[in-house]
Amino acid sequence: MFSFITVKTEKLVPGGYALGFYEEHPVFLWNALPGEVVETAIDYKRKGCWYGTARRIIQKSPYRIAPCENHFLSCSPWQIIDYDQEIIEKKSVLKEITNGIIPESVTDPEIITGNPLGYRNKLEISFTDGTEALATMAFHVRHGAGYLPITKCLLANEPINTVLQQFQESLWKARIVSEQLKTLVIRSTRAENVTASLYVTHEDFPLPTDVVLNNRLTGYRVIYSDPKYSDTVESKILAEYGSPDLCETVLDKQFLFSDQCFFQINVPLFEIALRDIQTHIDTEHEMYDVFSGVGTIGLSVQAHKVTLIEQDPWGSGYARKNLSLHQNALSKIVEADATKYDAYRKNAIIVCDPPRSGLPPKMIQTMIKANPVRIIYLSCNPITQMRDIKLFSEGYIPVSLKAYNFFPRTPHLETLIVLDRIPA
């Protein structure tokens, strides 16, 4: 930890930090807005850049507002900015990211927005020691090694917060300590069905059941997760109540999923993005849904023939269930590593929604060689998306860019880019 310094910030940058300078060193700060003068400690230094969190606001921005929660830096660091200004700042950051890559003539100038709070249908919660050393729900401290206790998270919907609070009471009642626990995952639907998976570090974990008996959960699992792994791995199911299946309606179609597999956290805005994707899909061309998850994109946009490509066993398993549910005889699921898949048919439409890390260069080359007529690229990380778009430029040209505020009160943004094949 370094001494406190005073910094004047200039702008918000990709990644969500406020950028300032101290003795010519770039300083990237949380809890700071453009034009503010702040006092900060430097948490760490990397490659000539300094990183920290503003501790005191000496001169504040007119757009600064009080955060809704004391743990805001852990889950939604942009709670401190007026929501309308958040959208303006995201437009500015997106313009910086896309400059020289996406022509302004094909860029939608507006960011599609929704509710700033209560939009998340999933929470992953850690634990720390609370009163009498009993397990207390918590989030990781940003730029730190500790935890911040929470009682709820306003980004999540009300059914999730209700279950979260009931779980906390149940764990206290059972005298559970944090050393016995790893993670709690709570997932919900718009119909207010809720499931939960509690990952524990002891195979002889005492199983509190009052959370199940209050009938708030439609499914609940207690899972032993070997503590030698930091990740939340499923080593052994200790108990299971109800069904892990959830069902969400997306564009008037039902999709099964669980808290074990990927599913978009902001369904209302996801539906808007899907309708935009629909406008670039036709029944003439076969469609590939790459990193398909449970098949939500490919099976909702009314393509004639769809190949879903998904490696994760949970995702591909639910994709198979959803194929059966929709009785789409012309479509299929391929359980394969999407980054290595090379069996694309010519003149297809490829839709991809990759992880934040984007697409590997070899995968991009494979897609280009397949010569699809169109590539539709949905991303939760415009930075890696723009990196990939540059690699597609040898054969494809961007014809549309739209942005969606899937993650209000955070720096994150979802972007949809459509690439058309350059005529020979």
Protein backbone atom coordinates (compact mmCIF):
# COMPACT_ATOMS: atom_id res chain seq x y z
CA MET A 1 0.00 0.00 0.00
CA PHE A 2 1.35 3.44 -0.95
CA SER A 3 0.83 6.91 0.54
CA PHE A 4 -2.28 8.90 -0.29
CA ILE A 5 -2.06 11.11 -3.36
CA THR A 6 -4.38 13.70 -4.91
CA VAL A 7 -5.49 13.13 -8.49
CA LYS A 8 -7.73 15.03 -10.93
CA THR A 9 -9.59 12.63 -13.20
CA GLU A 10 -10.16 13.28 -16.90
CA LYS A 11 -12.54 10.66 -18.25
CA LEU A 12 -13.98 7.17 -17.87
CA VAL A 13 -12.12 4.60 -19.93
CA PRO A 14 -12.80 1.09 -21.25
CA GLY A 15 -12.88 -1.19 -18.24
CA GLY A 16 -14.80 1.32 -16.13
CA TYR A 17 -12.01 3.20 -14.38
CA ALA A 18 -11.70 6.96 -14.14
CA LEU A 19 -8.36 8.03 -15.62
CA GLY A 20 -6.11 10.68 -14.11
CA PHE A 21 -2.38 11.36 -13.93
CA TYR A 22 0.09 11.77 -11.09
CA GLU A 23 3.64 12.85 -11.98
CA GLU A 24 3.02 11.57 -15.52
CA HIS A 25 1.90 8.17 -14.26
CA PRO A 26 -1.54 7.05 -15.53
CA VAL A 27 -3.77 6.44 -12.51
CA PHE A 28 -6.87 4.26 -12.93
CA LEU A 29 -9.43 4.71 -10.18
CA TRP A 30 -12.69 3.25 -8.94
CA ASN A 31 -15.13 5.47 -7.05
CA ALA A 32 -14.20 8.46 -9.21
CA LEU A 33 -15.93 10.31 -12.06
CA PRO A 34 -14.62 12.60 -14.83
CA GLY A 35 -13.51 16.05 -13.65
CA GLU A 36 -13.26 15.13 -9.99
CA VAL A 37 -10.39 15.83 -7.62
CA VAL A 38 -9.95 12.86 -5.30
CA GLU A 39 -7.63 11.58 -2.63
CA THR A 40 -6.61 7.99 -3.21
CA ALA A 41 -4.22 5.31 -2.11
CA ILE A 42 -2.57 3.21 -4.80
CA ASP A 43 -3.57 -0.44 -4.41
CA TYR A 44 -1.08 -1.79 -6.93
CA LYS A 45 1.14 -0.89 -9.89
CA ARG A 46 1.36 -2.72 -13.20
CA LYS A 47 3.33 -1.95 -16.36
CA GLY A 48 3.82 1.70 -15.42
CA CYS A 49 0.15 2.23 -14.52
CA TRP A 50 -1.19 2.82 -11.02
CA TYR A 51 -4.52 1.45 -9.77
CA GLY A 52 -6.56 2.50 -6.77
CA THR A 53 -9.90 3.44 -5.25
CA ALA A 54 -10.75 7.02 -4.34
CA ARG A 55 -11.03 7.35 -0.56
CA ARG A 56 -12.14 11.00 -0.38
CA ILE A 57 -13.85 13.21 -2.96
CA ILE A 58 -12.37 16.71 -2.72
CA GLN A 59 -14.15 18.20 -5.74
CA LYS A 60 -17.09 16.15 -6.96
CA SER A 61 -18.78 15.83 -10.34
CA PRO A 62 -22.28 17.32 -10.76
CA TYR A 63 -23.31 13.85 -11.94
CA ARG A 64 -22.23 12.07 -8.75
CA ILE A 65 -25.06 10.56 -6.72
CA ALA A 66 -25.08 8.57 -3.49
CA PRO A 67 -24.73 4.81 -4.06
CA CYS A 68 -27.69 2.63 -3.09
CA GLU A 69 -25.57 0.07 -1.23
CA ASN A 70 -22.38 0.05 0.80
CA HIS A 71 -21.00 -2.86 -1.24
CA PHE A 72 -21.50 -1.09 -4.59
CA LEU A 73 -17.82 -1.24 -5.54
CA SER A 74 -17.99 -5.04 -5.43
CA CYS A 75 -20.98 -5.50 -7.73
CA SER A 76 -21.89 -2.24 -9.47
CA PRO A 77 -19.21 0.48 -9.22
CA TRP A 78 -21.18 2.90 -11.39
CA GLN A 79 -23.95 3.32 -8.81
CA ILE A 80 -22.28 6.67 -8.10
CA ILE A 81 -23.25 8.21 -11.44
CA ASP A 82 -26.61 9.60 -12.57
CA TYR A 83 -28.23 6.95 -14.80
CA ASP A 84 -28.73 9.25 -17.80
CA GLN A 85 -25.08 10.26 -17.53
CA GLU A 86 -24.08 6.59 -17.32
CA ILE A 87 -25.55 6.10 -20.79
CA ILE A 88 -23.71 9.18 -22.11
CA GLU A 89 -20.43 7.91 -20.67
CA LYS A 90 -20.97 4.45 -22.16
CA LYS A 91 -21.59 6.02 -25.57
CA SER A 92 -18.30 7.89 -25.24
CA VAL A 93 -16.37 4.78 -24.18
CA LEU A 94 -17.93 2.71 -26.98
CA LYS A 95 -17.00 5.37 -29.54
CA GLU A 96 -13.40 5.23 -28.31
CA ILE A 97 -13.34 1.42 -28.58
CA THR A 98 -14.88 1.28 -32.08
CA ASN A 99 -13.03 4.27 -33.56
CA GLY A 100 -11.43 3.33 -36.87
CA ILE A 101 -12.99 -0.15 -36.83
CA ILE A 102 -16.75 0.36 -37.17
CA PRO A 103 -17.95 3.17 -39.50
CA GLU A 104 -20.24 5.67 -37.80
CA SER A 105 -22.62 5.28 -40.75
CA VAL A 106 -23.58 1.76 -39.58
CA THR A 107 -23.57 2.52 -35.84
CA ASP A 108 -26.86 3.03 -34.01
CA PRO A 109 -26.22 6.23 -31.99
CA GLU A 110 -28.48 5.13 -29.14
CA ILE A 111 -27.82 2.59 -26.39
CA ILE A 112 -30.92 0.55 -25.63
CA THR A 113 -31.67 0.73 -21.92
CA GLY A 114 -33.91 -0.91 -19.32
CA ASN A 115 -34.43 -0.93 -15.58
CA PRO A 116 -31.26 0.19 -13.77
CA LEU A 117 -31.93 -2.07 -10.77
CA GLY A 118 -33.61 -5.41 -10.13
CA TYR A 119 -32.65 -6.82 -13.52
CA ARG A 120 -30.33 -9.70 -12.58
CA ASN A 121 -31.77 -13.22 -12.56
CA LYS A 122 -28.64 -14.72 -10.98
CA LEU A 123 -26.38 -14.06 -8.00
CA GLU A 124 -23.20 -15.83 -6.89
CA ILE A 125 -22.43 -15.17 -3.25
CA SER A 126 -19.38 -15.82 -1.09
CA PHE A 127 -19.15 -16.01 2.69
CA THR A 128 -17.21 -14.36 5.49
CA ASP A 129 -17.18 -14.50 9.29
CA GLY A 130 -19.97 -12.48 10.86
CA THR A 131 -21.40 -12.15 14.35
CA GLU A 132 -20.15 -14.94 16.65
CA ALA A 133 -17.97 -16.08 13.70
CA LEU A 134 -21.06 -17.42 11.94
CA ALA A 135 -21.18 -17.51 8.14
CA THR A 136 -22.37 -14.23 6.64
CA MET A 137 -23.09 -13.70 2.96
CA ALA A 138 -20.59 -11.43 1.26
CA PHE A 139 -19.02 -10.13 -1.94
CA HIS A 140 -15.29 -9.89 -2.65
CA VAL A 141 -13.68 -6.50 -2.00
CA ARG A 142 -12.56 -4.95 -5.29
CA HIS A 143 -8.76 -4.52 -5.37
CA GLY A 144 -8.62 -6.28 -2.01
CA ALA A 145 -8.32 -9.66 -0.35
CA GLY A 146 -11.29 -9.39 1.99
CA TYR A 147 -15.07 -9.60 1.86
CA LEU A 148 -17.95 -7.19 2.39
CA PRO A 149 -21.02 -8.60 4.18
CA ILE A 150 -24.31 -8.14 2.31
CA THR A 151 -27.97 -8.49 3.22
CA LYS A 152 -29.24 -8.09 -0.35
CA CYS A 153 -28.13 -6.86 -3.77
CA LEU A 154 -30.29 -4.31 -5.55
CA LEU A 155 -29.10 -5.47 -8.98
CA ALA A 156 -30.93 -8.76 -8.37
CA ASN A 157 -34.67 -9.20 -8.63
CA GLU A 158 -36.87 -9.40 -5.55
CA PRO A 159 -37.38 -13.20 -5.53
CA ILE A 160 -33.60 -13.69 -5.39
CA ASN A 161 -33.21 -11.20 -2.55
CA THR A 162 -36.02 -12.87 -0.62
CA VAL A 163 -34.32 -16.27 -0.92
CA LEU A 164 -30.93 -14.74 -0.07
CA GLN A 165 -32.27 -13.37 3.20
CA GLN A 166 -34.00 -16.66 4.05
CA PHE A 167 -30.78 -18.56 3.40
CA GLN A 168 -28.88 -16.23 5.70
CA GLU A 169 -31.36 -16.83 8.51
CA SER A 170 -31.20 -20.59 7.91
CA LEU A 171 -27.40 -20.69 8.06
CA TRP A 172 -27.32 -18.65 11.26
CA LYS A 173 -29.97 -20.87 12.82
CA ALA A 174 -27.88 -23.95 11.98
CA ARG A 175 -24.73 -22.27 13.40
CA ILE A 176 -22.83 -22.70 10.13
CA VAL A 177 -19.39 -21.03 9.91
CA SER A 178 -17.83 -19.61 6.75
CA GLU A 179 -15.06 -22.24 6.66
CA GLN A 180 -17.77 -24.83 5.86
CA LEU A 181 -18.99 -22.95 2.79
CA LYS A 182 -17.70 -21.93 -0.62
CA THR A 183 -20.44 -20.36 -2.78
CA LEU A 184 -24.19 -19.93 -3.01
CA VAL A 185 -25.72 -19.64 -6.49
CA ILE A 186 -29.31 -18.39 -6.75
CA ARG A 187 -31.16 -18.27 -10.08
CA SER A 188 -34.68 -17.14 -10.96
CA THR A 189 -37.14 -16.63 -13.80
CA ARG A 190 -39.60 -13.85 -14.59
CA ALA A 191 -42.33 -16.19 -13.33
CA GLU A 192 -40.54 -15.92 -9.95
CA ASN A 193 -39.45 -19.55 -9.78
CA VAL A 194 -36.17 -19.79 -7.89
CA THR A 195 -33.50 -22.47 -7.52
CA ALA A 196 -30.35 -22.49 -5.43
CA SER A 197 -27.14 -24.48 -5.18
CA LEU A 198 -25.08 -24.30 -2.00
CA TYR A 199 -21.44 -25.37 -2.45
CA VAL A 200 -19.85 -26.61 0.78
CA THR A 201 -16.34 -27.69 1.77
CA HIS A 202 -17.21 -30.65 4.03
CA GLU A 203 -18.84 -33.90 2.94
CA ASP A 204 -20.48 -34.24 6.37
CA PHE A 205 -22.10 -30.81 6.08
CA PRO A 206 -25.28 -30.51 8.24
CA LEU A 207 -28.18 -29.99 5.86
CA PRO A 208 -30.52 -27.15 6.89
CA THR A 209 -33.88 -27.80 5.23
CA ASP A 210 -36.06 -24.92 6.39
CA VAL A 211 -35.09 -22.99 3.23
CA VAL A 212 -36.73 -25.77 1.24
CA LEU A 213 -39.67 -26.27 3.57
CA ASN A 214 -40.85 -22.67 3.22
CA ASN A 215 -41.78 -23.55 -0.39
CA ARG A 216 -39.93 -20.56 -1.83
CA LEU A 217 -37.52 -22.71 -3.84
CA THR A 218 -38.55 -24.96 -6.71
CA GLY A 219 -35.15 -26.65 -6.57
CA TYR A 220 -32.29 -26.78 -4.07
CA ARG A 221 -29.01 -28.69 -4.12
CA VAL A 222 -26.25 -29.02 -1.55
CA ILE A 223 -22.98 -29.82 -3.32
CA TYR A 224 -19.62 -30.82 -1.89
CA SER A 225 -16.91 -28.82 -3.68
CA ASP A 226 -13.39 -30.02 -2.96
CA PRO A 227 -11.70 -27.13 -1.06
CA LYS A 228 -8.34 -27.77 -2.74
CA TYR A 229 -9.85 -26.11 -5.82
CA SER A 230 -10.54 -22.38 -5.65
CA ASP A 231 -13.20 -22.68 -8.36
CA THR A 232 -16.72 -23.80 -7.57
CA VAL A 233 -16.42 -27.37 -8.84
CA GLU A 234 -19.09 -30.02 -8.33
CA SER A 235 -17.37 -32.93 -6.55
CA LYS A 236 -20.41 -34.68 -5.07
CA ILE A 237 -24.12 -33.92 -4.66
CA LEU A 238 -24.96 -34.29 -0.97
CA ALA A 239 -28.68 -33.54 -1.21
CA GLU A 240 -31.22 -32.51 -3.82
CA TYR A 241 -34.75 -31.23 -3.37
CA GLY A 242 -37.26 -30.50 -6.10
CA SER A 243 -35.94 -29.98 -9.63
CA PRO A 244 -32.91 -27.98 -10.77
CA ASP A 245 -34.78 -27.09 -13.96
CA LEU A 246 -35.98 -23.55 -14.57
CA CYS A 247 -38.13 -22.46 -17.50
CA GLU A 248 -37.97 -18.98 -19.02
CA THR A 249 -40.11 -17.65 -21.85
CA VAL A 250 -38.03 -15.85 -24.48
CA LEU A 251 -39.76 -14.41 -27.56
CA ASP A 252 -42.84 -16.50 -26.71
CA LYS A 253 -40.81 -19.72 -26.61
CA GLN A 254 -39.96 -21.70 -23.51
CA PHE A 255 -36.37 -22.57 -22.61
CA LEU A 256 -35.18 -24.93 -19.91
CA PHE A 257 -31.95 -24.18 -18.05
CA SER A 258 -30.45 -24.36 -14.56
CA ASP A 259 -28.04 -22.47 -12.34
CA GLN A 260 -25.29 -24.74 -13.71
CA CYS A 261 -25.29 -23.34 -17.24
CA PHE A 262 -25.03 -19.98 -18.95
CA PHE A 263 -28.23 -17.98 -19.43
CA GLN A 264 -28.48 -14.23 -20.02
CA ILE A 265 -29.03 -12.35 -16.77
CA ASN A 266 -31.15 -9.51 -18.23
CA VAL A 267 -33.89 -11.24 -20.21
CA PRO A 268 -35.98 -8.19 -21.24
CA LEU A 269 -33.02 -6.52 -22.96
CA PHE A 270 -31.84 -9.87 -24.32
CA GLU A 271 -35.20 -10.19 -26.08
CA ILE A 272 -34.66 -6.82 -27.74
CA ALA A 273 -31.26 -7.98 -28.98
CA LEU A 274 -32.82 -11.21 -30.26
CA ARG A 275 -35.41 -9.27 -32.25
CA ASP A 276 -32.57 -7.31 -33.81
CA ILE A 277 -30.80 -10.57 -34.66
CA GLN A 278 -34.02 -11.84 -36.24
CA THR A 279 -33.93 -9.04 -38.79
CA HIS A 280 -30.64 -10.46 -40.12
CA ILE A 281 -31.80 -14.10 -40.27
CA ASP A 282 -33.68 -15.74 -43.13
CA THR A 283 -35.01 -19.22 -43.94
CA GLU A 284 -32.84 -19.53 -47.03
CA HIS A 285 -29.55 -20.07 -45.21
CA GLU A 286 -28.56 -22.64 -42.63
CA MET A 287 -27.61 -21.07 -39.31
CA TYR A 288 -24.89 -21.98 -36.81
CA ASP A 289 -25.30 -20.87 -33.20
CA VAL A 290 -21.74 -20.96 -31.83
CA PHE A 291 -21.25 -21.06 -28.04
CA SER A 292 -24.97 -21.79 -28.06
CA GLY A 293 -25.43 -22.52 -24.37
CA VAL A 294 -28.94 -23.92 -23.97
CA GLY A 295 -29.85 -22.81 -27.50
CA THR A 296 -31.66 -19.60 -26.67
CA ILE A 297 -30.44 -17.61 -29.68
CA GLY A 298 -30.62 -20.30 -32.35
CA LEU A 299 -34.00 -21.66 -31.32
CA SER A 300 -35.69 -18.31 -30.72
CA VAL A 301 -34.91 -16.33 -33.88
CA GLN A 302 -36.98 -18.56 -36.19
CA ALA A 303 -34.19 -19.80 -38.41
CA HIS A 304 -35.16 -22.69 -40.69
CA LYS A 305 -32.27 -25.02 -39.85
CA VAL A 306 -29.93 -24.49 -36.91
CA THR A 307 -26.81 -26.26 -35.69
CA LEU A 308 -26.13 -25.53 -32.03
CA ILE A 309 -22.48 -25.87 -31.00
CA GLU A 310 -21.77 -26.15 -27.28
CA GLN A 311 -19.06 -27.96 -25.29
CA ASP A 312 -20.30 -27.50 -21.72
CA PRO A 313 -22.20 -30.67 -20.73
CA TRP A 314 -24.82 -28.75 -18.78
CA GLY A 315 -25.42 -26.29 -21.62
CA SER A 316 -25.52 -28.95 -24.34
CA GLY A 317 -27.76 -31.14 -22.18
CA TYR A 318 -30.33 -28.39 -21.83
CA ALA A 319 -29.93 -27.49 -25.51
CA ARG A 320 -30.96 -31.07 -26.30
CA LYS A 321 -33.98 -30.72 -24.02
CA ASN A 322 -34.94 -27.45 -25.70
CA LEU A 323 -34.59 -28.95 -29.18
CA SER A 324 -37.01 -31.67 -28.12
CA LEU A 325 -39.32 -29.12 -26.51
CA HIS A 326 -39.51 -27.07 -29.71
CA GLN A 327 -39.78 -30.14 -31.98
CA ASN A 328 -37.37 -28.64 -34.49
CA ALA A 329 -36.57 -31.72 -36.58
CA LEU A 330 -34.23 -29.88 -38.96
CA SER A 331 -31.96 -28.60 -36.20
CA LYS A 332 -29.33 -30.39 -34.12
CA ILE A 333 -26.88 -29.98 -31.26
CA VAL A 334 -23.17 -30.68 -31.74
CA GLU A 335 -21.36 -31.25 -28.44
CA ALA A 336 -17.97 -29.86 -29.37
CA ASP A 337 -15.41 -27.22 -28.51
CA ALA A 338 -16.65 -24.25 -30.53
CA THR A 339 -13.11 -22.88 -30.82
CA LYS A 340 -12.04 -26.01 -32.75
CA TYR A 341 -15.21 -26.71 -34.74
CA ASP A 342 -14.50 -26.79 -38.48
CA ALA A 343 -17.51 -28.48 -40.09
CA TYR A 344 -19.39 -25.35 -41.19
CA ARG A 345 -21.29 -25.69 -44.46
CA LYS A 346 -20.71 -23.01 -47.09
CA ASN A 347 -22.94 -19.95 -47.43
CA ALA A 348 -24.42 -20.22 -43.95
CA ILE A 349 -25.14 -17.59 -41.31
CA ILE A 350 -22.95 -17.88 -38.21
CA VAL A 351 -24.13 -16.36 -34.93
CA CYS A 352 -21.65 -16.31 -32.05
CA ASP A 353 -21.93 -15.18 -28.45
CA PRO A 354 -18.50 -16.01 -27.01
CA PRO A 355 -17.11 -15.53 -23.49
CA ARG A 356 -15.58 -12.18 -22.54
CA SER A 357 -12.23 -13.36 -23.90
CA GLY A 358 -13.64 -13.34 -27.44
CA LEU A 359 -12.68 -15.59 -30.36
CA PRO A 360 -9.25 -17.24 -30.84
CA PRO A 361 -7.52 -16.15 -34.08
CA LYS A 362 -7.50 -19.72 -35.44
CA MET A 363 -11.26 -19.93 -34.94
CA ILE A 364 -11.74 -16.69 -36.87
CA GLN A 365 -9.67 -18.06 -39.75
CA THR A 366 -11.75 -21.25 -39.75
CA MET A 367 -14.95 -19.21 -39.92
CA ILE A 368 -13.61 -17.06 -42.77
CA LYS A 369 -12.62 -20.18 -44.74
CA ALA A 370 -16.16 -21.52 -44.33
CA ASN A 371 -17.29 -18.48 -46.34
CA PRO A 372 -20.56 -17.71 -44.52
CA VAL A 373 -22.74 -15.04 -46.07
CA ARG A 374 -23.09 -13.31 -42.71
CA ILE A 375 -21.54 -13.36 -39.24
CA ILE A 376 -23.58 -12.02 -36.33
CA TYR A 377 -21.42 -11.34 -33.28
CA LEU A 378 -23.01 -10.65 -29.87
CA SER A 379 -20.53 -9.75 -27.14
CA CYS A 380 -20.39 -8.70 -23.49
CA ASN A 381 -16.89 -7.28 -24.09
CA PRO A 382 -16.63 -4.71 -26.91
CA ILE A 383 -12.84 -4.54 -26.44
CA THR A 384 -12.18 -8.15 -27.44
CA GLN A 385 -15.00 -7.94 -29.98
CA MET A 386 -13.28 -5.05 -31.81
CA ARG A 387 -10.00 -6.97 -31.74
CA ASP A 388 -11.80 -9.85 -33.47
CA ILE A 389 -13.62 -7.62 -35.97
CA LYS A 390 -10.26 -6.41 -37.26
CA LEU A 391 -9.28 -10.04 -37.97
CA PHE A 392 -12.51 -10.59 -39.90
CA SER A 393 -11.80 -7.58 -42.11
CA GLU A 394 -9.99 -9.59 -44.79
CA GLY A 395 -13.31 -11.03 -45.90
CA TYR A 396 -16.13 -9.25 -44.05
CA ILE A 397 -17.41 -5.74 -43.56
CA PRO A 398 -19.49 -4.41 -40.65
CA VAL A 399 -23.00 -3.38 -41.69
CA SER A 400 -24.59 -2.81 -38.27
CA LEU A 401 -23.63 -2.04 -34.67
CA LYS A 402 -26.13 -1.86 -31.82
CA ALA A 403 -25.46 -1.53 -28.10
CA TYR A 404 -27.58 -2.65 -25.15
CA ASN A 405 -27.19 -1.74 -21.50
CA PHE A 406 -27.51 -5.33 -20.27
CA PHE A 407 -25.61 -4.45 -17.10
CA PRO A 408 -26.79 -1.09 -15.67
CA ARG A 409 -24.78 0.52 -12.87
CA THR A 410 -21.70 -1.38 -14.04
CA PRO A 411 -19.16 -0.42 -16.75
CA HIS A 412 -20.20 -3.38 -18.91
CA LEU A 413 -22.06 -3.13 -22.21
CA GLU A 414 -23.46 -5.69 -24.68
CA THR A 415 -22.84 -5.03 -28.36
CA LEU A 416 -24.21 -6.67 -31.51
CA ILE A 417 -22.25 -6.43 -34.75
CA VAL A 418 -23.38 -7.80 -38.11
CA LEU A 419 -20.68 -8.59 -40.68
CA ASP A 420 -21.53 -9.28 -44.32
CA ARG A 421 -19.29 -11.09 -46.76
CA ILE A 422 -17.41 -8.77 -49.09
CA PRO A 423 -18.51 -9.56 -52.67
CA ALA A 424 -15.82 -11.23 -54.76
